Amino acid sequence: MFNLTKRRSLIVYYSGHRVLRNLHHYGQLRYTSKHFHYAVLYVNQDSYEDVKKRIQHLRSIKRVVDSARPDLDPTLTDLEQTGLYKQHDEDDYK
C-alpha cells in the first residue's frame, strides 16, 4: 500500500541566488521568490531538525523559519466563535 511520508516546510531567506542550487540537495524546492529573496523547501519530518541546522550554516543564508502550517487547526471555520476575530461596526453584517 502507498504510504505518505510526513513532510515539513521551511522558509529560507537568502542573499544570493546561487544558494538555490544547493538547496535541492536538502529537500524539495517548491517555490522561490527572486524579488523578495526567499524559498519554500519541503523536507522529511524525521530529518527536519538536522536539515534545518545544516541549511543555517550555508553561505548567503540569512535565516531559516519554520512554517506555521502544522500548528494551524484544519477544522477552524469561524474565527468569531474562537475569539480570534471580532466583527466591527464597519464590517458588513451577515
PDB file of N, CA and C in Angstrom:
ATOM      1  N   MET A   1       0.835  -1.180   0.000  1.00  0.00           N
ATOM      2  CA  MET A   1       0.000   0.000   0.000  1.00  0.00           C
ATOM      3  C   MET A   1       0.883   1.248   0.000  1.00  0.00           C
ATOM      4  N   PHE A   2       0.351   2.304  -0.496  1.00  0.00           N
ATOM      5  CA  PHE A   2       1.084   3.561  -0.611  1.00  0.00           C
ATOM      6  C   PHE A   2       1.111   4.288   0.725  1.00  0.00           C
ATOM      7  N   ASN A   3       2.303   4.638   1.194  1.00  0.00           N
ATOM      8  CA  ASN A   3       2.451   5.375   2.448  1.00  0.00           C
ATOM      9  C   ASN A   3       2.940   6.790   2.158  1.00  0.00           C
ATOM     10  N   LEU A   4       2.295   7.755   2.777  1.00  0.00           N
ATOM     11  CA  LEU A   4       2.726   9.141   2.652  1.00  0.00           C
ATOM     12  C   LEU A   4       3.831   9.423   3.655  1.00  0.00           C
ATOM     13  N   THR A   5       4.864  10.075   3.211  1.00  0.00           N
ATOM     14  CA  THR A   5       5.920  10.469   4.137  1.00  0.00           C
ATOM     15  C   THR A   5       5.547  11.815   4.739  1.00  0.00           C
ATOM     16  N   LYS A   6       5.760  11.940   6.020  1.00  0.00           N
ATOM     17  CA  LYS A   6       5.468  13.195   6.712  1.00  0.00           C
ATOM     18  C   LYS A   6       6.490  14.233   6.268  1.00  0.00           C
ATOM     19  N   ARG A   7       6.004  15.402   5.892  1.00  0.00           N
ATOM     20  CA  ARG A   7       6.863  16.467   5.392  1.00  0.00           C
ATOM     21  C   ARG A   7       6.643  17.734   6.208  1.00  0.00           C
ATOM     22  N   ARG A   8       7.670  18.554   6.298  1.00  0.00           N
ATOM     23  CA  ARG A   8       7.584  19.871   6.929  1.00  0.00           C
ATOM     24  C   ARG A   8       8.152  20.880   5.946  1.00  0.00           C
ATOM     25  N   SER A   9       7.666  22.088   6.020  1.00  0.00           N
ATOM     26  CA  SER A   9       8.189  23.110   5.121  1.00  0.00           C
ATOM     27  C   SER A   9       9.022  24.122   5.895  1.00  0.00           C
ATOM     28  N   LEU A  10      10.057  24.573   5.258  1.00  0.00           N
ATOM     29  CA  LEU A  10      10.950  25.591   5.795  1.00  0.00           C
ATOM     30  C   LEU A  10      10.933  26.785   4.855  1.00  0.00           C
ATOM     31  N   ILE A  11      10.896  27.972   5.427  1.00  0.00           N
ATOM     32  CA  ILE A  11      11.036  29.184   4.641  1.00  0.00           C
ATOM     33  C   ILE A  11      12.474  29.652   4.826  1.00  0.00           C
ATOM     34  N   VAL A  12      13.215  29.697   3.729  1.00  0.00           N
ATOM     35  CA  VAL A  12      14.642  30.001   3.759  1.00  0.00           C
ATOM     36  C   VAL A  12      14.857  31.369   3.117  1.00  0.00           C
ATOM     37  N   TYR A  13      15.397  32.301   3.890  1.00  0.00           N
ATOM     38  CA  TYR A  13      15.731  33.633   3.387  1.00  0.00           C
ATOM     39  C   TYR A  13      17.209  33.649   3.016  1.00  0.00           C
ATOM     40  N   TYR A  14      17.507  34.137   1.820  1.00  0.00           N
ATOM     41  CA  TYR A  14      18.875  34.103   1.323  1.00  0.00           C
ATOM     42  C   TYR A  14      19.265  35.464   0.761  1.00  0.00           C
ATOM     43  N   SER A  15      20.559  35.658   0.558  1.00  0.00           N
ATOM     44  CA  SER A  15      21.033  36.923  -0.005  1.00  0.00           C
ATOM     45  C   SER A  15      21.557  36.761  -1.431  1.00  0.00           C
ATOM     46  N   GLY A  16      21.966  35.576  -1.817  1.00  0.00           N
ATOM     47  CA  GLY A  16      22.464  35.339  -3.168  1.00  0.00           C
ATOM     48  C   GLY A  16      21.699  34.211  -3.832  1.00  0.00           C
ATOM     49  N   HIS A  17      21.429  34.359  -5.118  1.00  0.00           N
ATOM     50  CA  HIS A  17      20.631  33.362  -5.837  1.00  0.00           C
ATOM     51  C   HIS A  17      21.372  32.054  -6.087  1.00  0.00           C
ATOM     52  N   ARG A  18      22.677  32.067  -5.965  1.00  0.00           N
ATOM     53  CA  ARG A  18      23.457  30.855  -6.228  1.00  0.00           C
ATOM     54  C   ARG A  18      23.177  29.761  -5.210  1.00  0.00           C
ATOM     55  N   VAL A  19      22.716  30.132  -4.032  1.00  0.00           N
ATOM     56  CA  VAL A  19      22.458  29.143  -2.986  1.00  0.00           C
ATOM     57  C   VAL A  19      21.256  28.263  -3.339  1.00  0.00           C
ATOM     58  N   LEU A  20      20.423  28.702  -4.267  1.00  0.00           N
ATOM     59  CA  LEU A  20      19.257  27.908  -4.663  1.00  0.00           C
ATOM     60  C   LEU A  20      19.672  26.574  -5.276  1.00  0.00           C
ATOM     61  N   ARG A  21      20.812  26.546  -5.928  1.00  0.00           N
ATOM     62  CA  ARG A  21      21.301  25.285  -6.493  1.00  0.00           C
ATOM     63  C   ARG A  21      21.612  24.274  -5.396  1.00  0.00           C
ATOM     64  N   ASN A  22      22.122  24.754  -4.270  1.00  0.00           N
ATOM     65  CA  ASN A  22      22.471  23.856  -3.170  1.00  0.00           C
ATOM     66  C   ASN A  22      21.252  23.384  -2.392  1.00  0.00           C
ATOM     67  N   LEU A  23      20.183  24.146  -2.379  1.00  0.00           N
ATOM     68  CA  LEU A  23      19.006  23.767  -1.599  1.00  0.00           C
ATOM     69  C   LEU A  23      18.317  22.521  -2.145  1.00  0.00           C
ATOM     70  N   HIS A  24      18.520  22.208  -3.419  1.00  0.00           N
ATOM     71  CA  HIS A  24      17.929  20.995  -3.995  1.00  0.00           C
ATOM     72  C   HIS A  24      18.438  19.730  -3.306  1.00  0.00           C
ATOM     73  N   HIS A  25      19.618  19.777  -2.732  1.00  0.00           N
ATOM     74  CA  HIS A  25      20.200  18.603  -2.077  1.00  0.00           C
ATOM     75  C   HIS A  25      19.544  18.301  -0.730  1.00  0.00           C
ATOM     76  N   TYR A  26      18.881  19.274  -0.137  1.00  0.00           N
ATOM     77  CA  TYR A  26      18.335  19.110   1.210  1.00  0.00           C
ATOM     78  C   TYR A  26      16.854  18.759   1.227  1.00  0.00           C
ATOM     79  N   GLY A  27      16.156  18.988   0.146  1.00  0.00           N
ATOM     80  CA  GLY A  27      14.730  18.679   0.101  1.00  0.00           C
ATOM     81  C   GLY A  27      14.141  19.116  -1.226  1.00  0.00           C
ATOM     82  N   GLN A  28      12.825  19.174  -1.254  1.00  0.00           N
ATOM     83  CA  GLN A  28      12.119  19.537  -2.472  1.00  0.00           C
ATOM     84  C   GLN A  28      11.851  21.040  -2.464  1.00  0.00           C
ATOM     85  N   LEU A  29      12.435  21.738  -3.393  1.00  0.00           N
ATOM     86  CA  LEU A  29      12.282  23.181  -3.501  1.00  0.00           C
ATOM     87  C   LEU A  29      10.979  23.471  -4.233  1.00  0.00           C
ATOM     88  N   ARG A  30       9.996  24.028  -3.521  1.00  0.00           N
ATOM     89  CA  ARG A  30       8.673  24.209  -4.099  1.00  0.00           C
ATOM     90  C   ARG A  30       8.441  25.600  -4.664  1.00  0.00           C
ATOM     91  N   TYR A  31       9.017  26.616  -4.065  1.00  0.00           N
ATOM     92  CA  TYR A  31       8.774  27.976  -4.536  1.00  0.00           C
ATOM     93  C   TYR A  31       9.986  28.841  -4.227  1.00  0.00           C
ATOM     94  N   THR A  32      10.324  29.717  -5.157  1.00  0.00           N
ATOM     95  CA  THR A  32      11.388  30.686  -4.915  1.00  0.00           C
ATOM     96  C   THR A  32      10.909  32.058  -5.355  1.00  0.00           C
ATOM     97  N   SER A  33      11.213  33.052  -4.565  1.00  0.00           N
ATOM     98  CA  SER A  33      10.922  34.432  -4.910  1.00  0.00           C
ATOM     99  C   SER A  33      12.253  35.157  -5.057  1.00  0.00           C
ATOM    100  N   LYS A  34      12.613  35.444  -6.282  1.00  0.00           N
ATOM    101  CA  LYS A  34      13.888  36.111  -6.508  1.00  0.00           C
ATOM    102  C   LYS A  34      13.815  37.587  -6.139  1.00  0.00           C
ATOM    103  N   HIS A  35      12.626  38.141  -6.136  1.00  0.00           N
ATOM    104  CA  HIS A  35      12.481  39.547  -5.760  1.00  0.00           C
ATOM    105  C   HIS A  35      12.575  39.738  -4.253  1.00  0.00           C
ATOM    106  N   PHE A  36      11.913  38.879  -3.489  1.00  0.00           N
ATOM    107  CA  PHE A  36      11.910  39.003  -2.030  1.00  0.00           C
ATOM    108  C   PHE A  36      12.950  38.114  -1.352  1.00  0.00           C
ATOM    109  N   HIS A  37      13.712  37.360  -2.126  1.00  0.00           N
ATOM    110  CA  HIS A  37      14.840  36.556  -1.638  1.00  0.00           C
ATOM    111  C   HIS A  37      14.436  35.529  -0.580  1.00  0.00           C
ATOM    112  N   TYR A  38      13.441  34.703  -0.890  1.00  0.00           N
ATOM    113  CA  TYR A  38      13.117  33.585  -0.007  1.00  0.00           C
ATOM    114  C   TYR A  38      12.692  32.391  -0.841  1.00  0.00           C
ATOM    115  N   ALA A  39      12.753  31.224  -0.219  1.00  0.00           N
ATOM    116  CA  ALA A  39      12.375  29.984  -0.884  1.00  0.00           C
ATOM    117  C   ALA A  39      11.610  29.116   0.104  1.00  0.00           C
ATOM    118  N   VAL A  40      10.694  28.296  -0.420  1.00  0.00           N
ATOM    119  CA  VAL A  40       9.950  27.339   0.391  1.00  0.00           C
ATOM    120  C   VAL A  40      10.490  25.960   0.056  1.00  0.00           C
ATOM    121  N   LEU A  41      10.964  25.273   1.083  1.00  0.00           N
ATOM    122  CA  LEU A  41      11.623  23.983   0.920  1.00  0.00           C
ATOM    123  C   LEU A  41      10.894  22.948   1.766  1.00  0.00           C
ATOM    124  N   TYR A  42      10.517  21.820   1.163  1.00  0.00           N
ATOM    125  CA  TYR A  42       9.881  20.725   1.892  1.00  0.00           C
ATOM    126  C   TYR A  42      10.921  19.658   2.201  1.00  0.00           C
ATOM    127  N   VAL A  43      10.972  19.244   3.476  1.00  0.00           N
ATOM    128  CA  VAL A  43      11.910  18.210   3.916  1.00  0.00           C
ATOM    129  C   VAL A  43      11.140  17.135   4.673  1.00  0.00           C
ATOM    130  N   ASN A  44      11.751  15.959   4.812  1.00  0.00           N
ATOM    131  CA  ASN A  44      11.122  14.871   5.559  1.00  0.00           C
ATOM    132  C   ASN A  44      11.066  15.211   7.044  1.00  0.00           C
ATOM    133  N   GLN A  45      10.012  14.751   7.700  1.00  0.00           N
ATOM    134  CA  GLN A  45       9.797  15.051   9.116  1.00  0.00           C
ATOM    135  C   GLN A  45      10.903  14.469   9.995  1.00  0.00           C
ATOM    136  N   ASP A  46      11.378  13.273   9.679  1.00  0.00           N
ATOM    137  CA  ASP A  46      12.370  12.626  10.544  1.00  0.00           C
ATOM    138  C   ASP A  46      13.744  13.299  10.479  1.00  0.00           C
ATOM    139  N   SER A  47      14.091  13.922   9.368  1.00  0.00           N
ATOM    140  CA  SER A  47      15.385  14.599   9.255  1.00  0.00           C
ATOM    141  C   SER A  47      15.246  16.119   9.290  1.00  0.00           C
ATOM    142  N   TYR A  48      14.143  16.602   9.795  1.00  0.00           N
ATOM    143  CA  TYR A  48      13.801  18.026   9.762  1.00  0.00           C
ATOM    144  C   TYR A  48      14.794  18.889  10.544  1.00  0.00           C
ATOM    145  N   GLU A  49      15.074  18.535  11.792  1.00  0.00           N
ATOM    146  CA  GLU A  49      15.961  19.349  12.636  1.00  0.00           C
ATOM    147  C   GLU A  49      17.395  19.352  12.102  1.00  0.00           C
ATOM    148  N   ASP A  50      17.852  18.201  11.632  1.00  0.00           N
ATOM    149  CA  ASP A  50      19.209  18.103  11.106  1.00  0.00           C
ATOM    150  C   ASP A  50      19.378  18.949   9.846  1.00  0.00           C
ATOM    151  N   VAL A  51      18.401  18.888   8.956  1.00  0.00           N
ATOM    152  CA  VAL A  51      18.467  19.655   7.713  1.00  0.00           C
ATOM    153  C   VAL A  51      18.403  21.152   8.010  1.00  0.00           C
ATOM    154  N   LYS A  52      17.587  21.528   8.978  1.00  0.00           N
ATOM    155  CA  LYS A  52      17.470  22.945   9.329  1.00  0.00           C
ATOM    156  C   LYS A  52      18.806  23.502   9.829  1.00  0.00           C
ATOM    157  N   LYS A  53      19.511  22.732  10.651  1.00  0.00           N
ATOM    158  CA  LYS A  53      20.813  23.180  11.160  1.00  0.00           C
ATOM    159  C   LYS A  53      21.845  23.287  10.043  1.00  0.00           C
ATOM    160  N   ARG A  54      21.825  22.318   9.125  1.00  0.00           N
ATOM    161  CA  ARG A  54      22.797  22.341   8.031  1.00  0.00           C
ATOM    162  C   ARG A  54      22.546  23.508   7.079  1.00  0.00           C
ATOM    163  N   ILE A  55      21.269  23.822   6.831  1.00  0.00           N
ATOM    164  CA  ILE A  55      20.945  24.933   5.937  1.00  0.00           C
ATOM    165  C   ILE A  55      21.349  26.264   6.564  1.00  0.00           C
ATOM    166  N   GLN A  56      21.189  26.397   7.877  1.00  0.00           N
ATOM    167  CA  GLN A  56      21.551  27.649   8.542  1.00  0.00           C
ATOM    168  C   GLN A  56      23.039  27.951   8.431  1.00  0.00           C
ATOM    169  N   HIS A  57      23.866  26.929   8.283  1.00  0.00           N
ATOM    170  CA  HIS A  57      25.307  27.135   8.197  1.00  0.00           C
ATOM    171  C   HIS A  57      25.799  27.356   6.767  1.00  0.00           C
ATOM    172  N   LEU A  58      24.901  27.303   5.795  1.00  0.00           N
ATOM    173  CA  LEU A  58      25.313  27.550   4.415  1.00  0.00           C
ATOM    174  C   LEU A  58      25.652  29.026   4.216  1.00  0.00           C
ATOM    175  N   ARG A  59      26.500  29.268   3.260  1.00  0.00           N
ATOM    176  CA  ARG A  59      26.881  30.634   2.932  1.00  0.00           C
ATOM    177  C   ARG A  59      25.702  31.344   2.256  1.00  0.00           C
ATOM    178  N   SER A  60      25.521  32.614   2.530  1.00  0.00           N
ATOM    179  CA  SER A  60      24.494  33.513   1.991  1.00  0.00           C
ATOM    180  C   SER A  60      23.066  33.132   2.399  1.00  0.00           C
ATOM    181  N   ILE A  61      22.916  32.422   3.514  1.00  0.00           N
ATOM    182  CA  ILE A  61      21.598  32.171   4.100  1.00  0.00           C
ATOM    183  C   ILE A  61      21.419  33.151   5.248  1.00  0.00           C
ATOM    184  N   LYS A  62      20.357  33.947   5.191  1.00  0.00           N
ATOM    185  CA  LYS A  62      20.109  34.923   6.253  1.00  0.00           C
ATOM    186  C   LYS A  62      19.443  34.276   7.456  1.00  0.00           C
ATOM    187  N   ARG A  63      18.336  33.576   7.205  1.00  0.00           N
ATOM    188  CA  ARG A  63      17.635  32.898   8.305  1.00  0.00           C
ATOM    189  C   ARG A  63      16.747  31.802   7.747  1.00  0.00           C
ATOM    190  N   VAL A  64      16.391  30.869   8.626  1.00  0.00           N
ATOM    191  CA  VAL A  64      15.517  29.749   8.279  1.00  0.00           C
ATOM    192  C   VAL A  64      14.373  29.750   9.280  1.00  0.00           C
ATOM    193  N   VAL A  65      13.142  29.783   8.772  1.00  0.00           N
ATOM    194  CA  VAL A  65      11.958  29.898   9.616  1.00  0.00           C
ATOM    195  C   VAL A  65      11.086  28.667   9.413  1.00  0.00           C
ATOM    196  N   ASP A  66      10.532  28.148  10.518  1.00  0.00           N
ATOM    197  CA  ASP A  66       9.585  27.039  10.432  1.00  0.00           C
ATOM    198  C   ASP A  66       8.264  27.536   9.856  1.00  0.00           C
ATOM    199  N   SER A  67       7.612  26.698   9.096  1.00  0.00           N
ATOM    200  CA  SER A  67       6.299  27.038   8.590  1.00  0.00           C
ATOM    201  C   SER A  67       5.265  26.879   9.701  1.00  0.00           C
ATOM    202  N   ALA A  68       4.275  27.743   9.727  1.00  0.00           N
ATOM    203  CA  ALA A  68       3.243  27.695  10.762  1.00  0.00           C
ATOM    204  C   ALA A  68       2.103  26.759  10.389  1.00  0.00           C
ATOM    205  N   ARG A  69       2.146  26.161   9.243  1.00  0.00           N
ATOM    206  CA  ARG A  69       1.032  25.338   8.788  1.00  0.00           C
ATOM    207  C   ARG A  69       0.717  24.139   9.683  1.00  0.00           C
ATOM    208  N   PRO A  70       1.692  23.391  10.215  1.00  0.00           N
ATOM    209  CA  PRO A  70       1.332  22.257  11.076  1.00  0.00           C
ATOM    210  C   PRO A  70       0.659  22.682  12.380  1.00  0.00           C
ATOM    211  N   ASP A  71       0.861  23.928  12.797  1.00  0.00           N
ATOM    212  CA  ASP A  71       0.271  24.404  14.041  1.00  0.00           C
ATOM    213  C   ASP A  71      -1.157  24.902  13.874  1.00  0.00           C
ATOM    214  N   LEU A  72      -1.608  25.087  12.648  1.00  0.00           N
ATOM    215  CA  LEU A  72      -2.953  25.588  12.408  1.00  0.00           C
ATOM    216  C   LEU A  72      -3.980  24.481  12.579  1.00  0.00           C
ATOM    217  N   ASP A  73      -5.165  24.865  13.032  1.00  0.00           N
ATOM    218  CA  ASP A  73      -6.257  23.918  13.222  1.00  0.00           C
ATOM    219  C   ASP A  73      -7.010  23.758  11.900  1.00  0.00           C
ATOM    220  N   PRO A  74      -7.021  22.562  11.290  1.00  0.00           N
ATOM    221  CA  PRO A  74      -7.683  22.400   9.994  1.00  0.00           C
ATOM    222  C   PRO A  74      -9.204  22.428  10.076  1.00  0.00           C
ATOM    223  N   THR A  75      -9.759  22.280  11.275  1.00  0.00           N
ATOM    224  CA  THR A  75     -11.212  22.280  11.412  1.00  0.00           C
ATOM    225  C   THR A  75     -11.759  23.658  11.735  1.00  0.00           C
ATOM    226  N   LEU A  76     -10.924  24.660  11.792  1.00  0.00           N
ATOM    227  CA  LEU A  76     -11.343  26.011  12.129  1.00  0.00           C
ATOM    228  C   LEU A  76     -12.115  26.612  10.963  1.00  0.00           C
ATOM    229  N   THR A  77     -13.376  26.960  11.212  1.00  0.00           N
ATOM    230  CA  THR A  77     -14.195  27.513  10.145  1.00  0.00           C
ATOM    231  C   THR A  77     -14.659  28.926  10.449  1.00  0.00           C
ATOM    232  N   ASP A  78     -14.928  29.238  11.710  1.00  0.00           N
ATOM    233  CA  ASP A  78     -15.460  30.544  12.052  1.00  0.00           C
ATOM    234  C   ASP A  78     -14.534  31.219  13.061  1.00  0.00           C
ATOM    235  N   LEU A  79     -13.935  32.306  12.668  1.00  0.00           N
ATOM    236  CA  LEU A  79     -12.987  32.992  13.541  1.00  0.00           C
ATOM    237  C   LEU A  79     -13.675  33.744  14.668  1.00  0.00           C
ATOM    238  N   GLU A  80     -14.937  34.115  14.472  1.00  0.00           N
ATOM    239  CA  GLU A  80     -15.656  34.833  15.528  1.00  0.00           C
ATOM    240  C   GLU A  80     -15.941  33.927  16.718  1.00  0.00           C
ATOM    241  N   GLN A  81     -16.259  32.669  16.474  1.00  0.00           N
ATOM    242  CA  GLN A  81     -16.572  31.742  17.567  1.00  0.00           C
ATOM    243  C   GLN A  81     -15.352  31.449  18.422  1.00  0.00           C
ATOM    244  N   THR A  82     -14.181  31.429  17.831  1.00  0.00           N
ATOM    245  CA  THR A  82     -12.974  31.136  18.596  1.00  0.00           C
ATOM    246  C   THR A  82     -12.430  32.354  19.320  1.00  0.00           C
ATOM    247  N   GLY A  83     -12.895  33.537  18.963  1.00  0.00           N
ATOM    248  CA  GLY A  83     -12.420  34.753  19.603  1.00  0.00           C
ATOM    249  C   GLY A  83     -11.198  35.352  18.942  1.00  0.00           C
ATOM    250  N   LEU A  84     -10.790  34.809  17.808  1.00  0.00           N
ATOM    251  CA  LEU A  84      -9.629  35.349  17.107  1.00  0.00           C
ATOM    252  C   LEU A  84      -9.969  36.624  16.342  1.00  0.00           C
ATOM    253  N   TYR A  85     -11.237  36.778  15.984  1.00  0.00           N
ATOM    254  CA  TYR A  85     -11.645  37.932  15.201  1.00  0.00           C
ATOM    255  C   TYR A  85     -12.955  38.450  15.760  1.00  0.00           C
ATOM    256  N   LYS A  86     -13.031  39.755  15.937  1.00  0.00           N
ATOM    257  CA  LYS A  86     -14.269  40.380  16.391  1.00  0.00           C
ATOM    258  C   LYS A  86     -14.772  41.284  15.282  1.00  0.00           C
ATOM    259  N   GLN A  87     -16.065  41.181  15.016  1.00  0.00           N
ATOM    260  CA  GLN A  87     -16.652  41.971  13.950  1.00  0.00           C
ATOM    261  C   GLN A  87     -16.839  43.410  14.430  1.00  0.00           C
ATOM    262  N   HIS A  88     -16.466  44.352  13.594  1.00  0.00           N
ATOM    263  CA  HIS A  88     -16.553  45.767  13.926  1.00  0.00           C
ATOM    264  C   HIS A  88     -17.770  46.387  13.263  1.00  0.00           C
ATOM    265  N   ASP A  89     -18.053  47.623  13.614  1.00  0.00           N
ATOM    266  CA  ASP A  89     -19.206  48.324  13.054  1.00  0.00           C
ATOM    267  C   ASP A  89     -19.058  48.552  11.554  1.00  0.00           C
ATOM    268  N   GLU A  90     -17.827  48.711  11.084  1.00  0.00           N
ATOM    269  CA  GLU A  90     -17.607  48.980   9.664  1.00  0.00           C
ATOM    270  C   GLU A  90     -17.787  47.735   8.798  1.00  0.00           C
ATOM    271  N   ASP A  91     -17.697  46.562   9.398  1.00  0.00           N
ATOM    272  CA  ASP A  91     -17.805  45.319   8.639  1.00  0.00           C
ATOM    273  C   ASP A  91     -19.238  45.089   8.193  1.00  0.00           C
ATOM    274  N   ASP A  92     -19.383  44.386   7.083  1.00  0.00           N
ATOM    275  CA  ASP A  92     -20.711  44.023   6.598  1.00  0.00           C
ATOM    276  C   ASP A  92     -21.264  42.902   7.456  1.00  0.00           C
ATOM    277  N   TYR A  93     -22.500  43.047   7.865  1.00  0.00           N
ATOM    278  CA  TYR A  93     -23.135  42.002   8.667  1.00  0.00           C
ATOM    279  C   TYR A  93     -23.733  40.952   7.758  1.00  0.00           C
ATOM    280  N   LYS A  94     -23.887  39.770   8.304  1.00  0.00           N
ATOM    281  CA  LYS A  94     -24.419  38.655   7.518  1.00  0.00           C
ATOM    282  C   LYS A  94     -25.907  38.779   7.329  1.00  0.00           C
TER     283      LYS A  94
END
